[in-house]
Amino acid sequence: MKKLVKSVALGALGAMGVGAMQGAWAQSSVTLYGIVDAGLSYVTNAAKTNGKNRDVAAMMSGGEAADRFGFRGVEDLGGGLKAVFQLENGFNLANGGVQQNGRLFGRQAFVGLSSPYGTLMLGRQRVPIYDLFTPLDPLGYFGWSIVSQDAQYAGRADNAAKYVADLGRFRVDAMYSTGYDSTIVNGAQVPGEFRVGQEISVGASYSAGPLAAAAAYDLRRGTSEATQSAKEQRFVIGATYQIVAALKAYAGYKWFNSSVPASAARSDMYYGGLQLQCSPAFFISAATYYTDIKSAGQHPVDFGLNTQYLLSKSTSLYGEVNYVKNNHGSNLGVAGYGVGVVAGANQTGVAVGIIHFF
């Protein structure tokens, strides 16, 4: 990713009456970065009107990776200690709107300290189960991948303290949130009720040679005094293996169990896939996701095929075809459960687009 790095303007700081801080900030830097991604999609059985299933054609924002811009900063404090921060906005390229329920910096907003022993961050940030597991998905961050198949999971938490330790081949993540979603009633916490809206997430990864693997667990509690004892739990484990230079294999499993009224369910999901590098610029990825929704007796299957052609280090074209087979009234769509799909109907989605990193 090409980045624009700007030194902190010490002269401006002095003009604002904080010249005494110049020495401490002399080694600071700020990086501006972002992604712009837009495409066109066609999806079958997207709605039902007058007794007929209807298809839809639309512009798609953030198909390959969500649109964003952000600022990442670091200050060298000496002795191996650094101050870090990140502010990241998510937006819809198709209409210019703000994502993440209207948050200005809804993707990430944190500050922390980093040392050889790890990094501690405070604020809104990605949870370990998202950081560690998504790279093990054959379709990566594409909007029609494993990320979309968990309707209740945002992948980020408000009011969170997160610790990450890189230990050579191993990495350990741990996070605690006093209230994972401040946009809902009691999402930030109820005084005296420490379990309301609480989230705990831990995980670890390992990488050596052709093998990469990770496992993570996440627990979220209900967001009211009446439901705070209810639990929404996830456990994931996955791995990739570089079979040969041009071929990588993926496999994984996700366990889900929730007694929270809004998401009450019990399910297992299994997936596998391959990524083939046909040339230095052309990649093909294929994946199958099978979900056993035990609480409803449903077994939807999602088949996905993604292609990517690199025009440069910063720009690429992509295309994807997904087919979802529903049964027993399941409502999995290419974009997620209950998202633009007629319950019980199979669905096909086709998308093409362009993505640029800066």
Protein backbone atom coordinates (compact mmCIF):
# COMPACT_ATOMS: atom_id res chain seq x y z
CA MET A 1 0.00 0.00 0.00
CA LYS A 2 1.42 3.35 -1.02
CA LYS A 3 1.35 5.78 1.89
CA LEU A 4 1.78 9.51 2.34
CA VAL A 5 3.87 10.27 5.42
CA LYS A 6 3.97 13.71 6.94
CA SER A 7 6.12 14.89 9.84
CA VAL A 8 4.38 16.64 12.67
CA ALA A 9 4.49 20.39 12.08
CA LEU A 10 6.50 21.55 15.09
CA GLY A 11 6.36 25.17 14.03
CA ALA A 12 2.57 25.08 14.03
CA LEU A 13 2.59 23.52 17.46
CA GLY A 14 4.78 26.32 18.74
CA ALA A 15 2.40 28.89 17.26
CA MET A 16 -0.38 27.27 19.23
CA GLY A 17 1.49 27.71 22.47
CA VAL A 18 2.80 24.18 22.84
CA GLY A 19 6.38 24.79 21.78
CA ALA A 20 7.56 23.22 25.02
CA MET A 21 6.41 19.87 23.64
CA GLN A 22 8.55 20.09 20.50
CA GLY A 23 11.39 18.02 21.88
CA ALA A 24 9.06 15.20 22.87
CA TRP A 25 7.34 15.19 19.45
CA ALA A 26 10.43 15.54 17.30
CA GLN A 27 10.37 11.88 16.24
CA SER A 28 6.64 11.76 15.46
CA SER A 29 5.11 10.89 12.10
CA VAL A 30 1.60 10.52 10.72
CA THR A 31 0.57 8.30 7.80
CA LEU A 32 -2.46 9.00 5.62
CA TYR A 33 -3.84 5.88 3.92
CA GLY A 34 -7.04 4.53 2.42
CA ILE A 35 -8.94 2.29 0.02
CA VAL A 36 -11.48 3.22 -2.64
CA ASP A 37 -13.45 0.32 -4.12
CA ALA A 38 -16.50 0.34 -6.38
CA GLY A 39 -18.19 -2.17 -8.65
CA LEU A 40 -21.40 -3.44 -10.20
CA SER A 41 -23.38 -6.43 -9.00
CA TYR A 42 -26.33 -8.53 -10.13
CA VAL A 43 -28.13 -10.69 -7.57
CA THR A 44 -31.05 -13.08 -8.11
CA ASN A 45 -34.01 -13.65 -5.75
CA ALA A 46 -33.22 -10.46 -3.86
CA ALA A 47 -36.82 -9.61 -2.93
CA LYS A 48 -40.39 -10.81 -3.32
CA THR A 49 -43.17 -8.56 -4.61
CA ASN A 50 -46.62 -9.53 -5.89
CA GLY A 51 -45.79 -13.17 -5.24
CA LYS A 52 -42.74 -13.15 -7.52
CA ASN A 53 -39.03 -13.31 -6.70
CA ARG A 54 -37.15 -10.30 -8.05
CA ASP A 55 -33.54 -9.81 -9.12
CA VAL A 56 -31.55 -6.63 -8.53
CA ALA A 57 -28.68 -4.85 -10.29
CA ALA A 58 -26.80 -2.23 -8.30
CA MET A 59 -23.59 -0.33 -7.76
CA MET A 60 -21.52 -1.93 -5.02
CA SER A 61 -19.27 -0.05 -2.60
CA GLY A 62 -16.37 -1.86 -0.97
CA GLY A 63 -16.79 -5.16 -2.78
CA GLU A 64 -13.22 -6.43 -2.47
CA ALA A 65 -12.38 -4.37 0.63
CA ALA A 66 -14.41 -1.77 2.51
CA ASP A 67 -13.89 1.86 1.50
CA ARG A 68 -11.93 3.82 4.09
CA PHE A 69 -9.42 6.53 4.85
CA GLY A 70 -7.39 6.89 7.98
CA PHE A 71 -4.49 8.33 9.90
CA ARG A 72 -1.89 6.21 11.64
CA GLY A 73 0.64 7.86 13.93
CA VAL A 74 3.70 6.86 15.93
CA GLU A 75 6.02 8.74 18.29
CA ASP A 76 9.36 7.30 19.42
CA LEU A 77 9.60 7.83 23.18
CA GLY A 78 13.01 6.18 23.49
CA GLY A 79 14.11 2.95 25.11
CA GLY A 80 12.00 0.89 22.72
CA LEU A 81 8.76 2.58 23.83
CA LYS A 82 6.45 4.23 21.29
CA ALA A 83 3.13 6.03 21.41
CA VAL A 84 0.72 4.93 18.67
CA PHE A 85 -2.71 5.96 17.43
CA GLN A 86 -5.07 5.19 14.58
CA LEU A 87 -8.22 6.94 13.33
CA GLU A 88 -10.03 5.17 10.47
CA ASN A 89 -13.25 6.24 8.78
CA GLY A 90 -15.49 3.90 6.81
CA PHE A 91 -17.60 5.35 4.00
CA ASN A 92 -19.82 4.31 1.10
CA LEU A 93 -18.15 5.27 -2.17
CA ALA A 94 -21.42 4.97 -4.10
CA ASN A 95 -23.19 7.74 -2.18
CA GLY A 96 -20.56 9.33 0.08
CA GLY A 97 -22.33 8.25 3.25
CA VAL A 98 -20.66 7.29 6.52
CA GLN A 99 -20.66 3.61 7.53
CA GLN A 100 -20.59 1.91 10.97
CA ASN A 101 -23.90 3.46 12.11
CA GLY A 102 -22.77 7.01 11.44
CA ARG A 103 -19.53 6.93 13.43
CA LEU A 104 -16.94 9.41 12.15
CA PHE A 105 -14.10 6.97 12.82
CA GLY A 106 -16.15 3.80 12.96
CA ARG A 107 -13.53 1.39 11.68
CA GLN A 108 -10.88 2.22 14.28
CA ALA A 109 -10.20 4.95 16.83
CA PHE A 110 -7.56 4.20 19.43
CA VAL A 111 -4.38 5.37 21.16
CA GLY A 112 -1.80 3.26 22.94
CA LEU A 113 1.76 2.34 23.83
CA SER A 114 4.01 -0.13 22.02
CA SER A 115 7.15 -1.82 23.35
CA PRO A 116 9.20 -4.96 22.63
CA TYR A 117 6.80 -6.74 25.01
CA GLY A 118 3.68 -5.91 23.05
CA THR A 119 1.19 -3.16 22.25
CA LEU A 120 -1.64 -1.93 24.48
CA MET A 121 -4.41 0.08 22.78
CA LEU A 122 -7.49 1.86 24.15
CA GLY A 123 -10.56 2.85 22.12
CA ARG A 124 -12.72 1.42 19.34
CA GLN A 125 -10.85 -1.32 17.49
CA ARG A 126 -11.02 -4.68 15.76
CA VAL A 127 -11.48 -7.70 17.98
CA PRO A 128 -8.94 -10.58 17.97
CA ILE A 129 -11.33 -13.08 16.40
CA TYR A 130 -11.64 -10.77 13.37
CA ASP A 131 -7.94 -9.91 13.10
CA LEU A 132 -6.75 -13.51 13.31
CA PHE A 133 -9.45 -15.40 11.43
CA THR A 134 -10.32 -13.28 8.39
CA PRO A 135 -6.87 -13.70 6.72
CA LEU A 136 -7.50 -17.47 6.79
CA ASP A 137 -10.60 -17.12 4.58
CA PRO A 138 -10.03 -18.09 0.91
CA LEU A 139 -12.08 -15.08 -0.24
CA GLY A 140 -10.39 -12.73 2.21
CA TYR A 141 -12.21 -9.49 2.97
CA PHE A 142 -14.58 -9.67 0.00
CA GLY A 143 -18.11 -8.61 0.90
CA TRP A 144 -19.49 -12.03 -0.06
CA SER A 145 -17.05 -14.03 2.08
CA ILE A 146 -17.15 -15.52 5.58
CA VAL A 147 -17.31 -12.02 7.08
CA SER A 148 -20.85 -11.53 5.75
CA GLN A 149 -22.12 -14.88 7.03
CA ASP A 150 -22.41 -13.74 10.64
CA ALA A 151 -25.19 -11.16 10.72
CA GLN A 152 -24.78 -10.27 14.39
CA TYR A 153 -21.03 -9.73 14.39
CA ALA A 154 -19.51 -6.31 13.69
CA GLY A 155 -15.86 -7.33 14.13
CA ARG A 156 -15.14 -4.22 16.21
CA ALA A 157 -15.83 -3.10 19.75
CA ASP A 158 -16.27 0.27 21.41
CA ASN A 159 -14.73 1.03 24.81
CA ALA A 160 -12.05 -1.63 24.36
CA ALA A 161 -8.64 -2.31 25.83
CA LYS A 162 -6.59 -4.59 23.56
CA TYR A 163 -3.16 -6.15 23.97
CA VAL A 164 -1.16 -7.70 21.12
CA ALA A 165 2.17 -9.49 21.56
CA ASP A 166 4.26 -10.64 18.59
CA LEU A 167 6.49 -13.47 19.78
CA GLY A 168 8.35 -14.49 16.65
CA ARG A 169 6.33 -17.25 15.03
CA PHE A 170 3.55 -16.78 17.60
CA ARG A 171 1.15 -13.90 18.13
CA VAL A 172 -1.21 -13.49 21.09
CA ASP A 173 -4.21 -11.12 21.20
CA ALA A 174 -6.49 -10.28 24.13
CA MET A 175 -9.27 -7.69 24.39
CA TYR A 176 -11.81 -6.52 26.97
CA SER A 177 -14.68 -4.11 26.27
CA THR A 178 -16.85 -2.51 28.94
CA GLY A 179 -19.56 -1.90 26.31
CA TYR A 180 -19.09 -3.15 22.76
CA ASP A 181 -21.69 -0.97 20.99
CA SER A 182 -22.33 2.57 22.21
CA THR A 183 -24.98 3.22 19.53
CA ILE A 184 -27.55 0.96 21.22
CA VAL A 185 -29.32 1.45 24.54
CA ASN A 186 -26.98 0.43 27.38
CA GLY A 187 -24.32 -0.48 24.84
CA ALA A 188 -21.70 1.53 26.67
CA GLN A 189 -22.51 0.03 30.11
CA VAL A 190 -24.96 0.46 32.97
CA PRO A 191 -23.51 1.81 36.25
CA GLY A 192 -23.08 -1.01 38.72
CA GLU A 193 -23.89 -3.68 36.13
CA PHE A 194 -20.47 -4.60 34.79
CA ARG A 195 -21.63 -7.45 32.56
CA VAL A 196 -24.08 -5.40 30.47
CA GLY A 197 -22.67 -5.06 26.93
CA GLN A 198 -19.42 -6.72 27.96
CA GLU A 199 -17.14 -8.36 25.39
CA ILE A 200 -14.08 -10.55 25.94
CA SER A 201 -12.01 -11.84 23.02
CA VAL A 202 -8.75 -13.79 22.97
CA GLY A 203 -6.77 -15.54 20.26
CA ALA A 204 -3.41 -16.78 19.07
CA SER A 205 -1.75 -17.45 15.73
CA TYR A 206 1.27 -19.39 14.51
CA SER A 207 3.24 -19.05 11.30
CA ALA A 208 6.21 -21.10 10.10
CA GLY A 209 7.25 -21.75 6.51
CA PRO A 210 4.26 -22.77 4.39
CA LEU A 211 1.90 -23.12 7.39
CA ALA A 212 -0.19 -20.44 9.10
CA ALA A 213 -2.84 -21.20 11.72
CA ALA A 214 -4.97 -19.36 14.25
CA ALA A 215 -7.65 -19.93 16.87
CA ALA A 216 -9.78 -17.40 18.74
CA TYR A 217 -12.69 -17.18 21.18
CA ASP A 218 -15.15 -14.33 21.63
CA LEU A 219 -17.83 -13.71 24.27
CA ARG A 220 -20.43 -10.95 24.19
CA ARG A 221 -23.15 -10.43 26.81
CA GLY A 222 -26.64 -8.98 26.52
CA THR A 223 -27.03 -5.21 26.48
CA SER A 224 -29.66 -4.86 29.20
CA GLU A 225 -29.89 -5.70 32.88
CA ALA A 226 -32.42 -8.39 32.03
CA THR A 227 -30.20 -10.07 29.40
CA GLN A 228 -26.72 -9.48 30.82
CA SER A 229 -26.42 -13.13 31.86
CA ALA A 230 -27.10 -14.25 28.27
CA LYS A 231 -24.02 -15.10 26.22
CA GLU A 232 -23.19 -14.84 22.52
CA GLN A 233 -20.12 -17.02 21.95
CA ARG A 234 -17.90 -17.79 18.99
CA PHE A 235 -14.90 -20.06 18.59
CA VAL A 236 -12.94 -20.25 15.36
CA ILE A 237 -9.95 -22.21 14.16
CA GLY A 238 -8.37 -22.18 10.72
CA ALA A 239 -5.20 -22.71 8.74
CA THR A 240 -3.56 -22.11 5.39
CA TYR A 241 -0.84 -24.15 3.72
CA GLN A 242 1.30 -23.13 0.76
CA ILE A 243 1.30 -26.38 -1.22
CA VAL A 244 3.56 -25.02 -3.95
CA ALA A 245 4.63 -21.49 -4.84
CA ALA A 246 1.46 -20.81 -6.84
CA LEU A 247 -1.11 -22.80 -4.83
CA LYS A 248 -2.40 -22.24 -1.29
CA ALA A 249 -5.00 -24.32 0.59
CA TYR A 250 -7.44 -23.03 3.24
CA ALA A 251 -9.60 -24.79 5.83
CA GLY A 252 -11.43 -23.76 8.98
CA TYR A 253 -14.31 -24.15 11.43
CA LYS A 254 -16.55 -21.77 13.39
CA TRP A 255 -18.66 -22.69 16.42
CA PHE A 256 -21.49 -20.33 17.39
CA ASN A 257 -23.80 -20.49 20.39
CA SER A 258 -26.03 -17.68 21.62
CA SER A 259 -28.68 -17.31 24.29
CA VAL A 260 -29.00 -13.56 23.64
CA PRO A 261 -32.60 -13.04 22.43
CA ALA A 262 -31.65 -11.04 19.31
CA SER A 263 -29.26 -13.73 18.03
CA ALA A 264 -30.33 -16.94 19.81
CA ALA A 265 -29.03 -19.87 17.75
CA ARG A 266 -26.60 -22.77 17.70
CA SER A 267 -24.56 -23.51 14.57
CA ASP A 268 -21.38 -25.00 13.15
CA MET A 269 -19.72 -23.77 9.97
CA TYR A 270 -17.04 -25.58 7.98
CA TYR A 271 -15.16 -24.18 5.01
CA GLY A 272 -12.35 -24.99 2.62
CA GLY A 273 -10.79 -23.45 -0.44
CA LEU A 274 -7.83 -22.86 -2.72
CA GLN A 275 -6.01 -19.87 -4.14
CA LEU A 276 -4.12 -20.21 -7.43
CA GLN A 277 -1.65 -17.63 -8.72
CA CYS A 278 -1.90 -18.02 -12.47
CA SER A 279 0.65 -15.28 -13.21
CA PRO A 280 2.39 -12.51 -11.27
CA ALA A 281 -0.72 -10.38 -11.77
CA PHE A 282 -3.66 -12.84 -11.90
CA PHE A 283 -5.17 -14.75 -8.95
CA ILE A 284 -8.14 -17.12 -8.66
CA SER A 285 -9.67 -18.14 -5.32
CA ALA A 286 -12.45 -20.67 -4.73
CA ALA A 287 -14.24 -21.58 -1.52
CA THR A 288 -17.14 -23.58 -0.11
CA TYR A 289 -18.89 -22.74 3.19
CA TYR A 290 -21.27 -25.23 4.81
CA THR A 291 -23.34 -24.17 7.83
CA ASP A 292 -25.26 -26.52 10.09
CA ILE A 293 -27.83 -24.39 11.94
CA LYS A 294 -28.75 -26.91 14.60
CA SER A 295 -31.31 -24.71 16.30
CA ALA A 296 -33.37 -24.47 13.08
CA GLY A 297 -32.52 -27.67 11.21
CA GLN A 298 -31.15 -25.70 8.26
CA HIS A 299 -28.02 -26.39 6.19
CA PRO A 300 -27.24 -23.60 3.71
CA VAL A 301 -24.18 -23.94 1.46
CA ASP A 302 -22.28 -21.07 -0.17
CA PHE A 303 -19.97 -21.55 -3.16
CA GLY A 304 -17.69 -18.65 -4.12
CA LEU A 305 -15.21 -17.93 -6.92
CA ASN A 306 -13.08 -14.77 -6.91
CA THR A 307 -10.60 -13.45 -9.48
CA GLN A 308 -8.19 -10.54 -9.15
CA TYR A 309 -5.99 -8.89 -11.76
CA LEU A 310 -3.29 -6.47 -10.60
CA LEU A 311 -2.89 -3.40 -12.78
CA SER A 312 -0.18 -2.03 -10.48
CA LYS A 313 0.96 -2.27 -6.87
CA SER A 314 -1.95 -0.03 -5.90
CA THR A 315 -4.78 -0.81 -8.33
CA SER A 316 -6.52 -4.01 -9.36
CA LEU A 317 -9.65 -5.32 -11.05
CA TYR A 318 -11.75 -8.07 -9.50
CA GLY A 319 -14.69 -10.31 -10.25
CA GLU A 320 -16.71 -12.73 -8.15
CA VAL A 321 -19.47 -15.28 -8.58
CA ASN A 322 -21.32 -16.68 -5.56
CA TYR A 323 -24.08 -19.26 -5.38
CA VAL A 324 -26.02 -19.97 -2.18
CA LYS A 325 -28.17 -23.07 -1.80
CA ASN A 326 -30.80 -22.63 0.91
CA ASN A 327 -33.04 -25.30 2.40
CA HIS A 328 -35.75 -25.69 5.04
CA GLY A 329 -36.44 -21.95 4.93
CA SER A 330 -32.86 -20.79 5.55
CA ASN A 331 -32.22 -17.22 4.43
CA LEU A 332 -28.51 -16.99 3.69
CA GLY A 333 -27.79 -14.57 0.87
CA VAL A 334 -24.54 -13.83 -0.90
CA ALA A 335 -24.26 -10.70 1.28
CA GLY A 336 -25.21 -12.45 4.54
CA TYR A 337 -28.11 -13.87 6.50
CA GLY A 338 -31.38 -12.09 5.82
CA VAL A 339 -29.67 -9.52 3.59
CA GLY A 340 -31.40 -9.08 0.23
CA VAL A 341 -32.65 -12.65 -0.14
CA VAL A 342 -36.01 -14.43 -0.23
CA ALA A 343 -36.14 -17.00 2.59
CA GLY A 344 -35.75 -20.53 1.26
CA ALA A 345 -34.73 -19.41 -2.23
CA ASN A 346 -31.35 -20.13 -3.76
CA GLN A 347 -29.36 -17.07 -4.79
CA THR A 348 -26.67 -16.24 -7.34
CA GLY A 349 -24.57 -13.09 -7.26
CA VAL A 350 -22.13 -11.74 -9.86
CA ALA A 351 -19.89 -8.73 -9.24
CA VAL A 352 -17.07 -6.88 -11.00
CA GLY A 353 -15.15 -3.90 -9.72
CA ILE A 354 -11.98 -1.88 -9.29
CA ILE A 355 -10.02 -1.19 -6.11
CA HIS A 356 -7.25 1.32 -5.40
CA PHE A 357 -5.01 1.58 -2.32
CA PHE A 358 -3.34 4.83 -1.31
